[in-house]
Amino acid sequence: MANSEIVSALTSSGFEANGMVYFGTWRDYAVSLRSISGKTYYADFAVRLEKVPFSLRRSLAKAVRVPGLKLGGLERVTNQVVTFSLRLNPKGDVTAQFRERMDQLAAALRDNGVFPADSCILTGAPMPDSLCLASVGGLICYQPAMASALRDQSRRIREQAEDNRENGSYLTGLVGALLGMLVGLIPNLLSIIALERIYGLLFALVPMAAMFGYKLLKGKMSKAALWIVIGVSLLGVILIPLFELAFYMMREYGSSLGFVIATILNALEDGSFFSALGAEYLQLLLFMGIGILFAWRYIYGQLSSSAVTAVQTQIDTLRPNPLRRRPEQY
């Protein structure tokens, strides 16, 4: 299917593009669409649910399944977003398929008592006047929002970014990153010592904690912060075996802290410690690299430039909320 056919189907149905995300409304639901492959999309419908029982998931999954046809199905249900996969057949009228399938998805939601979102994603205020793209659970989705709250948030973030640019310090940020890294190492050490297992996801805590510490101690939130956090996280790879050695010496031999420190310093000085642990260091380095990849979205999102870009995206996609004009039907 030519990409132009998909673009035509979406734009002729009232959807606009912002980067790789299309956004608009369908039957009063705020909807964003993200491409999975050439002919399959994720459709995120904005909703508000107090709880998400398994019976609802099962009912929605059944409602959108069409026997004999591979049209996608239910992907996830949260308190704020219901996501469906939507598959289009290149052999036919793509626009007609898209509109028919979107009607089926919207009808399935309403038939199961899941109505369009009617509260602000930022403040929770009822019947917000606008819609905009916003980050929900790490994904960019189209959501209702109060325009005034969004503009206040934009102003606050820009002021914070300007203050950080003028007053942030790489030195205090480095100290914070080191302290955060040490905190992030604790669950990894517990896992290695107590369970004798290494978990890649736990290693993601190290760069996340390092970035949190960096930000907490007023580090300058420029792109240099990324390299500082990554460097500090990699330093943790060196520290893990040292902490392991200290633990075992104190537990197995009852060594004093002073003796442990002196022994480790001697081993570091003659280089024997690192040469003996070459393979283990490579393994730890691999897992820390995986951890950094897992945490990348978080640490990158903490940069001032990322925060300003995110809020500008919200401003650029601000549109009137059609649901506010006729809330009585829900």
Protein backbone atom coordinates (compact mmCIF):
# COMPACT_ATOMS: atom_id res chain seq x y z
CA MET A 1 0.00 0.00 0.00
CA ALA A 2 1.44 3.34 -0.99
CA ASN A 3 2.06 5.70 1.88
CA SER A 4 0.12 8.40 0.01
CA GLU A 5 -3.02 6.25 0.24
CA ILE A 6 -2.73 6.08 4.03
CA VAL A 7 -2.03 9.79 4.32
CA SER A 8 -5.03 10.53 2.12
CA ALA A 9 -7.25 8.23 4.21
CA LEU A 10 -6.20 9.92 7.46
CA THR A 11 -6.26 13.54 6.30
CA SER A 12 -9.58 13.16 4.47
CA SER A 13 -10.99 11.78 7.74
CA GLY A 14 -9.96 14.91 9.64
CA PHE A 15 -6.64 13.78 11.13
CA GLU A 16 -3.56 16.01 11.26
CA ALA A 17 0.08 15.02 11.51
CA ASN A 18 2.66 15.95 14.13
CA GLY A 19 5.87 14.11 13.43
CA MET A 20 5.05 10.40 13.25
CA VAL A 21 1.73 10.77 15.09
CA TYR A 22 -1.66 11.58 13.56
CA PHE A 23 -4.27 13.16 15.81
CA GLY A 24 -7.92 14.09 15.58
CA THR A 25 -11.38 13.12 16.82
CA TRP A 26 -13.71 10.29 15.91
CA ARG A 27 -17.27 10.13 17.20
CA ASP A 28 -16.16 12.66 19.87
CA TYR A 29 -13.25 10.49 21.04
CA ALA A 30 -9.83 12.12 20.98
CA VAL A 31 -7.71 9.69 18.95
CA SER A 32 -4.04 9.44 18.00
CA LEU A 33 -2.66 7.03 15.43
CA ARG A 34 0.86 5.55 15.37
CA SER A 35 2.22 3.42 12.55
CA ILE A 36 3.32 -0.14 13.36
CA SER A 37 3.97 -1.24 9.79
CA GLY A 38 2.97 -0.20 6.31
CA LYS A 39 -0.65 -1.17 6.79
CA THR A 40 -1.13 -1.44 10.55
CA TYR A 41 -1.60 1.32 13.12
CA TYR A 42 -2.12 1.67 16.83
CA ALA A 43 -5.24 3.75 17.52
CA ASP A 44 -5.23 5.35 20.99
CA PHE A 45 -8.69 6.44 22.20
CA ALA A 46 -8.74 8.89 25.13
CA VAL A 47 -11.05 7.65 27.93
CA ARG A 48 -11.45 7.96 31.69
CA LEU A 49 -11.98 4.82 33.77
CA GLU A 50 -11.99 4.49 37.54
CA LYS A 51 -10.93 0.85 37.27
CA VAL A 52 -10.11 -1.61 34.51
CA PRO A 53 -11.69 -5.00 35.26
CA PHE A 54 -10.61 -8.05 33.31
CA SER A 55 -14.21 -8.50 32.15
CA LEU A 56 -14.00 -5.17 30.31
CA ARG A 57 -10.81 -6.19 28.53
CA ARG A 58 -12.39 -9.47 27.50
CA SER A 59 -15.59 -7.81 26.32
CA LEU A 60 -13.76 -5.18 24.27
CA ALA A 61 -11.45 -7.76 22.72
CA LYS A 62 -14.47 -9.81 21.68
CA ALA A 63 -16.38 -6.79 20.39
CA VAL A 64 -13.66 -5.68 17.96
CA ARG A 65 -12.81 -9.14 16.66
CA VAL A 66 -14.24 -9.88 13.22
CA PRO A 67 -14.29 -13.66 12.51
CA GLY A 68 -12.33 -14.58 9.42
CA LEU A 69 -10.74 -11.14 9.01
CA LYS A 70 -7.40 -9.93 10.31
CA LEU A 71 -8.37 -6.39 11.24
CA GLY A 72 -6.32 -6.03 14.40
CA GLY A 73 -7.77 -6.01 17.87
CA LEU A 74 -7.49 -4.78 21.44
CA GLU A 75 -3.95 -4.02 22.58
CA ARG A 76 -4.28 -2.40 26.02
CA VAL A 77 -6.76 -0.75 28.38
CA THR A 78 -5.68 1.80 31.00
CA ASN A 79 -7.52 4.42 33.01
CA GLN A 80 -6.81 7.05 30.34
CA VAL A 81 -6.24 5.25 27.04
CA VAL A 82 -7.69 2.29 25.16
CA THR A 83 -5.40 1.13 22.36
CA PHE A 84 -6.49 -0.94 19.38
CA SER A 85 -4.43 -2.23 16.48
CA LEU A 86 -6.03 -1.28 13.21
CA ARG A 87 -5.13 -3.15 10.02
CA LEU A 88 -5.99 -1.96 6.53
CA ASN A 89 -6.26 -4.11 3.40
CA PRO A 90 -4.34 -2.67 0.44
CA LYS A 91 -6.78 -4.38 -1.93
CA GLY A 92 -9.65 -1.96 -1.64
CA ASP A 93 -10.77 1.55 -0.72
CA VAL A 94 -8.41 2.41 2.14
CA THR A 95 -10.39 5.46 3.24
CA ALA A 96 -13.65 3.51 3.42
CA GLN A 97 -11.94 0.72 5.36
CA PHE A 98 -10.42 3.17 7.80
CA ARG A 99 -13.72 4.93 8.51
CA GLU A 100 -15.66 1.69 8.87
CA ARG A 101 -13.10 0.23 11.25
CA MET A 102 -12.94 3.40 13.33
CA ASP A 103 -16.73 3.33 13.63
CA GLN A 104 -16.52 -0.28 14.84
CA LEU A 105 -13.94 0.60 17.47
CA ALA A 106 -15.87 3.63 18.74
CA ALA A 107 -19.11 1.60 18.86
CA ALA A 108 -17.38 -1.17 20.83
CA LEU A 109 -16.25 1.36 23.42
CA ARG A 110 -19.68 2.95 23.81
CA ASP A 111 -21.48 -0.38 23.91
CA ASN A 112 -19.24 -1.31 26.86
CA GLY A 113 -19.82 1.95 28.71
CA VAL A 114 -16.44 3.46 27.84
CA PHE A 115 -17.12 7.03 26.75
CA PRO A 116 -14.87 9.85 25.49
CA ALA A 117 -12.54 11.34 28.08
CA ASP A 118 -14.22 14.25 29.84
CA SER A 119 -11.55 15.59 32.20
CA CYS A 120 -8.30 17.50 31.78
CA ILE A 121 -5.19 15.31 31.50
CA LEU A 122 -3.21 17.99 33.39
CA THR A 123 -5.54 19.08 36.20
CA GLY A 124 -8.46 16.66 36.20
CA ALA A 125 -10.92 19.55 35.70
CA PRO A 126 -14.21 18.43 34.11
CA MET A 127 -15.19 19.25 30.54
CA PRO A 128 -11.93 20.82 29.33
CA ASP A 129 -12.17 23.24 26.44
CA SER A 130 -9.36 21.80 24.32
CA LEU A 131 -7.53 18.74 23.06
CA CYS A 132 -3.78 18.31 22.59
CA LEU A 133 -1.06 15.70 22.23
CA ALA A 134 0.30 14.75 25.65
CA SER A 135 2.53 12.06 27.14
CA VAL A 136 0.47 9.32 28.80
CA GLY A 137 2.29 6.32 30.19
CA GLY A 138 5.32 7.11 28.06
CA LEU A 139 3.29 7.37 24.84
CA ILE A 140 2.13 10.46 22.98
CA CYS A 141 -1.68 10.44 22.88
CA TYR A 142 -4.38 12.97 22.02
CA GLN A 143 -6.08 14.04 25.24
CA PRO A 144 -8.52 16.66 26.60
CA ALA A 145 -6.86 19.57 28.40
CA MET A 146 -7.68 23.03 29.69
CA ALA A 147 -5.96 25.55 27.42
CA SER A 148 -5.26 27.87 30.36
CA ALA A 149 -3.60 25.06 32.35
CA LEU A 150 -1.52 24.09 29.33
CA ARG A 151 -0.32 27.65 28.80
CA ASP A 152 0.51 27.98 32.50
CA GLN A 153 2.50 24.75 32.30
CA SER A 154 4.30 25.97 29.19
CA ARG A 155 5.28 29.23 30.85
CA ARG A 156 6.46 27.44 34.00
CA ILE A 157 8.59 24.94 32.07
CA ARG A 158 10.17 27.68 29.98
CA GLU A 159 10.96 29.70 33.10
CA GLN A 160 12.49 26.63 34.76
CA ALA A 161 14.57 25.92 31.65
CA GLU A 162 15.84 29.50 31.57
CA ASP A 163 16.65 29.42 35.29
CA ASN A 164 18.50 26.13 34.88
CA ARG A 165 20.45 27.50 31.91
CA GLU A 166 21.59 30.50 33.96
CA ASN A 167 22.02 28.90 37.40
CA GLY A 168 22.51 25.19 36.84
CA SER A 169 25.90 23.69 37.72
CA TYR A 170 27.67 20.74 36.13
CA LEU A 171 29.67 20.28 39.34
CA THR A 172 26.71 19.92 41.70
CA GLY A 173 24.96 17.84 39.05
CA LEU A 174 27.95 15.48 38.92
CA VAL A 175 27.84 15.08 42.71
CA GLY A 176 24.12 14.34 42.52
CA ALA A 177 24.65 11.84 39.69
CA LEU A 178 27.31 10.00 41.72
CA LEU A 179 25.04 9.79 44.76
CA GLY A 180 22.11 8.66 42.61
CA MET A 181 24.27 6.05 40.91
CA LEU A 182 25.25 4.58 44.29
CA VAL A 183 21.58 4.35 45.27
CA GLY A 184 20.78 2.69 41.94
CA LEU A 185 23.50 0.09 42.51
CA ILE A 186 21.91 -1.18 45.74
CA PRO A 187 19.16 -3.39 44.19
CA ASN A 188 21.68 -4.72 41.65
CA LEU A 189 24.13 -5.68 44.40
CA LEU A 190 21.35 -7.32 46.41
CA SER A 191 20.32 -9.32 43.35
CA ILE A 192 23.89 -10.41 42.57
CA ILE A 193 24.79 -11.29 46.15
CA ALA A 194 21.51 -12.79 47.39
CA LEU A 195 20.18 -14.39 44.20
CA GLU A 196 23.40 -14.75 42.22
CA ARG A 197 21.53 -13.35 39.22
CA ILE A 198 21.96 -10.29 37.04
CA TYR A 199 18.81 -8.55 35.77
CA GLY A 200 19.06 -6.09 32.89
CA LEU A 201 15.99 -4.17 34.04
CA LEU A 202 17.56 -3.52 37.43
CA PHE A 203 20.54 -1.96 35.69
CA ALA A 204 18.14 0.59 34.20
CA LEU A 205 17.67 1.92 37.73
CA VAL A 206 21.29 3.10 37.79
CA PRO A 207 21.11 5.73 35.00
CA MET A 208 17.61 6.73 36.10
CA ALA A 209 18.77 7.27 39.70
CA ALA A 210 21.89 9.08 38.42
CA MET A 211 19.75 11.46 36.35
CA PHE A 212 17.38 12.00 39.28
CA GLY A 213 20.32 12.87 41.53
CA TYR A 214 21.81 15.11 38.84
CA LYS A 215 18.57 17.03 38.52
CA LEU A 216 17.92 17.10 42.28
CA LEU A 217 21.22 18.88 42.93
CA LYS A 218 20.51 21.48 40.25
CA GLY A 219 22.73 20.12 37.50
CA LYS A 220 22.59 22.04 34.22
CA MET A 221 20.09 20.15 32.06
CA SER A 222 21.87 20.42 28.71
CA LYS A 223 22.93 17.59 26.41
CA ALA A 224 26.19 17.41 28.34
CA ALA A 225 24.09 16.05 31.23
CA LEU A 226 23.44 12.91 29.16
CA TRP A 227 27.15 12.17 28.86
CA ILE A 228 27.72 12.87 32.55
CA VAL A 229 24.93 10.50 33.57
CA ILE A 230 26.07 7.80 31.13
CA GLY A 231 29.67 8.14 32.28
CA VAL A 232 28.70 7.96 35.94
CA SER A 233 26.50 4.92 35.22
CA LEU A 234 29.40 3.14 33.52
CA LEU A 235 31.54 3.94 36.55
CA GLY A 236 29.10 1.78 38.48
CA VAL A 237 30.33 -1.20 36.43
CA ILE A 238 33.74 -0.78 38.08
CA LEU A 239 32.26 -0.39 41.55
CA ILE A 240 30.00 -3.46 41.56
CA PRO A 241 32.78 -6.10 41.85
CA LEU A 242 34.59 -3.92 44.39
CA PHE A 243 31.49 -3.78 46.59
CA GLU A 244 31.03 -7.54 46.11
CA LEU A 245 34.59 -8.19 47.24
CA ALA A 246 34.18 -5.94 50.28
CA PHE A 247 30.96 -7.72 51.25
CA TYR A 248 32.41 -11.23 51.00
CA MET A 249 35.61 -10.29 52.88
CA MET A 250 33.60 -8.85 55.75
CA ARG A 251 31.09 -11.73 55.81
CA GLU A 252 33.38 -14.72 55.24
CA TYR A 253 36.50 -13.58 57.05
CA GLY A 254 35.19 -10.97 59.46
CA SER A 255 37.61 -8.41 58.02
CA SER A 256 37.43 -4.90 59.33
CA LEU A 257 36.37 -2.09 57.03
CA GLY A 258 39.85 -0.58 57.18
CA PHE A 259 41.48 -3.88 56.16
CA VAL A 260 38.97 -4.30 53.32
CA ILE A 261 39.65 -0.83 51.96
CA ALA A 262 43.44 -1.35 52.17
CA THR A 263 43.17 -4.72 50.37
CA ILE A 264 41.03 -3.28 47.59
CA LEU A 265 43.37 -0.32 47.12
CA ASN A 266 46.35 -2.67 46.84
CA ALA A 267 44.52 -4.83 44.29
CA LEU A 268 43.61 -1.74 42.27
CA GLU A 269 47.16 -0.44 42.41
CA ASP A 270 48.81 -3.54 40.93
CA GLY A 271 46.03 -4.14 38.39
CA SER A 272 45.52 -7.79 39.33
CA PHE A 273 41.91 -7.27 40.37
CA PHE A 274 40.79 -5.95 36.98
CA SER A 275 42.71 -8.56 34.99
CA ALA A 276 41.14 -11.36 37.03
CA LEU A 277 37.63 -10.05 36.38
CA GLY A 278 37.95 -9.26 32.68
CA ALA A 279 35.06 -11.50 31.54
CA GLU A 280 32.80 -10.41 34.41
CA TYR A 281 33.44 -6.76 33.64
CA LEU A 282 32.44 -7.30 30.03
CA GLN A 283 29.21 -8.94 31.19
CA LEU A 284 28.46 -6.10 33.60
CA LEU A 285 29.27 -3.55 30.91
CA LEU A 286 26.82 -5.26 28.54
CA PHE A 287 24.05 -5.22 31.13
CA MET A 288 24.71 -1.59 32.00
CA GLY A 289 24.49 -0.75 28.30
CA ILE A 290 21.12 -2.53 28.16
CA GLY A 291 20.05 -0.63 31.28
CA ILE A 292 20.97 2.68 29.68
CA LEU A 293 18.90 1.78 26.61
CA PHE A 294 15.91 0.92 28.81
CA ALA A 295 16.29 4.22 30.69
CA TRP A 296 17.10 6.36 27.65
CA ARG A 297 13.61 7.79 27.18
CA TYR A 298 13.49 8.85 30.83
CA ILE A 299 16.95 10.42 31.03
CA TYR A 300 16.57 12.17 27.67
CA GLY A 301 13.13 13.44 28.65
CA GLN A 302 14.59 15.18 31.71
CA LEU A 303 16.62 17.62 29.59
CA SER A 304 15.34 21.18 29.50
CA SER A 305 15.25 21.14 25.71
CA SER A 306 13.14 17.96 25.73
CA ALA A 307 10.68 19.43 28.23
CA VAL A 308 10.34 22.63 26.19
CA THR A 309 9.87 20.64 22.97
CA ALA A 310 7.21 18.46 24.60
CA VAL A 311 5.19 21.39 25.88
CA GLN A 312 5.54 23.16 22.51
CA THR A 313 4.07 20.07 20.86
CA GLN A 314 1.11 20.37 23.19
CA ILE A 315 0.66 24.03 22.27
CA ASP A 316 1.01 23.34 18.54
CA THR A 317 -1.65 20.61 18.63
CA LEU A 318 -4.13 22.52 20.78
CA ARG A 319 -7.60 22.23 19.22
CA PRO A 320 -11.19 22.86 20.44
CA ASN A 321 -12.81 19.97 22.28
CA PRO A 322 -16.02 18.99 20.43
CA LEU A 323 -17.29 17.04 23.45
CA ARG A 324 -17.65 20.23 25.51
CA ARG A 325 -20.42 21.42 23.20
CA ARG A 326 -22.63 18.42 23.83
CA PRO A 327 -21.72 16.60 27.07
CA GLU A 328 -25.34 15.79 27.86
CA GLN A 329 -25.42 12.84 25.43
CA TYR A 330 -22.92 10.93 27.59
